[in-house]
Amino acid sequence: MPSVSQPANAFQVLMGSAKARSLPKPKAESCGKTSGLNRKDELYDDVLNYLAAKGADFPQVTADQEGAYFTQVLTNALWYATSHHLTINDRANKVHGVLPIPEEFEQFAGYNEIINN
């Protein structure tokens, strides 16, 4: 006799969705650009890819708010640091208490380069 599965009750559905985990959505467009992403939004998407590769995620119900906020804060820090890697690392060699940029974040160098025309 084939088994008949029991329908899930509302509590099981709520608990299942509370346990689901995901990352925020990647940027689809940049403010002020007619097409494509600006360099900071490209960095944001690369940070998301980095988090995914590391197995980091957020509760699905908060991924698009708190997860996006966390990702943006990390992106902002890396955005500033990307054009100052050499300065920060040189300072770390000369001043006690100043830490260099971790090698793992070197992959994010170059997003905020100043381009002289």
Protein backbone atom coordinates (compact mmCIF):
# COMPACT_ATOMS: atom_id res chain seq x y z
CA MET A 1 0.00 0.00 0.00
CA PRO A 2 1.52 3.40 -0.98
CA SER A 3 2.29 5.70 1.91
CA VAL A 4 0.42 8.94 2.15
CA SER A 5 2.48 11.86 3.38
CA GLN A 6 1.03 14.01 6.10
CA PRO A 7 0.44 17.64 5.17
CA ALA A 8 2.77 20.06 6.90
CA ASN A 9 1.18 22.12 9.61
CA ALA A 10 1.66 25.89 9.82
CA PHE A 11 4.23 25.59 12.62
CA GLN A 12 6.42 23.27 10.52
CA VAL A 13 6.22 25.66 7.58
CA LEU A 14 7.24 28.63 9.76
CA MET A 15 10.10 26.72 11.37
CA GLY A 16 11.33 25.54 7.98
CA SER A 17 11.39 29.06 6.59
CA ALA A 18 13.13 30.36 9.73
CA LYS A 19 15.94 27.85 9.20
CA ALA A 20 16.40 28.68 5.51
CA ARG A 21 19.54 30.67 4.79
CA SER A 22 20.66 32.79 1.85
CA LEU A 23 22.71 35.77 0.76
CA PRO A 24 21.40 39.19 -0.28
CA LYS A 25 20.59 39.72 -3.94
CA PRO A 26 23.44 40.98 -6.13
CA LYS A 27 23.23 44.48 -7.55
CA ALA A 28 21.25 44.64 -10.77
CA GLU A 29 21.94 48.28 -11.62
CA SER A 30 23.85 51.28 -10.34
CA CYS A 31 22.41 54.67 -9.53
CA GLY A 32 23.40 57.21 -12.16
CA LYS A 33 24.43 54.66 -14.80
CA THR A 34 22.34 53.90 -17.83
CA SER A 35 23.69 50.35 -18.10
CA GLY A 36 25.96 48.06 -16.16
CA LEU A 37 27.36 48.50 -12.68
CA ASN A 38 29.72 51.08 -11.29
CA ARG A 39 32.98 49.86 -9.70
CA LYS A 40 31.61 49.99 -6.15
CA ASP A 41 28.61 47.85 -7.07
CA GLU A 42 30.96 45.43 -8.87
CA LEU A 43 32.92 45.21 -5.62
CA TYR A 44 29.66 44.55 -3.70
CA ASP A 45 28.86 41.62 -6.01
CA ASP A 46 32.41 40.28 -5.66
CA VAL A 47 32.08 40.50 -1.87
CA LEU A 48 28.85 38.47 -2.17
CA ASN A 49 30.72 35.88 -4.25
CA TYR A 50 33.49 35.83 -1.62
CA LEU A 51 30.94 35.27 1.17
CA ALA A 52 29.29 32.48 -0.82
CA ALA A 53 32.66 30.79 -1.43
CA LYS A 54 33.36 30.95 2.31
CA GLY A 55 29.96 29.41 3.10
CA ALA A 56 28.69 32.55 4.82
CA ASP A 57 24.99 33.24 4.71
CA PHE A 58 22.18 34.91 6.63
CA PRO A 59 18.75 33.79 7.79
CA GLN A 60 16.59 34.06 4.69
CA VAL A 61 14.10 36.38 6.37
CA THR A 62 16.86 38.93 7.10
CA ALA A 63 19.17 38.42 4.11
CA ASP A 64 17.83 41.35 2.10
CA GLN A 65 17.96 43.77 5.06
CA GLU A 66 20.62 42.87 7.63
CA GLY A 67 22.59 40.72 5.20
CA ALA A 68 22.67 43.49 2.62
CA TYR A 69 23.66 45.99 5.33
CA PHE A 70 26.55 43.79 6.51
CA THR A 71 27.69 43.26 2.91
CA GLN A 72 27.52 47.00 2.19
CA VAL A 73 29.54 47.88 5.32
CA LEU A 74 32.22 45.36 4.33
CA THR A 75 32.13 46.71 0.76
CA ASN A 76 32.54 50.29 2.03
CA ALA A 77 35.56 49.30 4.14
CA LEU A 78 37.16 47.46 1.23
CA TRP A 79 36.31 50.34 -1.14
CA TYR A 80 38.31 52.71 1.03
CA ALA A 81 41.14 50.26 1.60
CA THR A 82 41.51 49.24 -2.06
CA SER A 83 43.22 52.47 -3.00
CA HIS A 84 45.34 52.50 0.16
CA HIS A 85 46.69 48.93 0.41
CA LEU A 86 50.30 49.98 -0.07
CA THR A 87 50.03 52.91 2.33
CA ILE A 88 48.40 50.81 5.05
CA ASN A 89 50.85 47.94 4.63
CA ASP A 90 53.87 50.31 4.63
CA ARG A 91 52.57 51.95 7.80
CA ALA A 92 52.07 48.52 9.40
CA ASN A 93 55.77 47.79 8.82
CA LYS A 94 56.83 51.02 10.51
CA VAL A 95 54.34 51.61 13.33
CA HIS A 96 53.65 49.21 16.17
CA GLY A 97 49.94 48.49 16.50
CA VAL A 98 49.03 49.13 12.85
CA LEU A 99 47.96 45.92 11.16
CA PRO A 100 48.45 45.25 7.45
CA ILE A 101 45.59 44.42 5.12
CA PRO A 102 45.06 40.63 5.39
CA GLU A 103 46.32 38.84 2.29
CA GLU A 104 42.88 37.33 1.80
CA PHE A 105 41.51 40.80 1.02
CA GLU A 106 44.23 41.63 -1.51
CA GLN A 107 41.92 40.19 -4.17
CA PHE A 108 39.77 43.30 -3.74
CA ALA A 109 42.56 45.75 -4.55
CA GLY A 110 42.10 48.12 -7.48
CA TYR A 111 38.36 48.81 -7.41
CA ASN A 112 38.77 52.40 -6.24
CA GLU A 113 41.76 53.41 -8.33
CA ILE A 114 41.92 57.06 -9.28
CA ILE A 115 42.05 57.40 -13.05
CA ASN A 116 43.63 60.56 -14.40
CA ASN A 117 42.42 61.59 -17.83
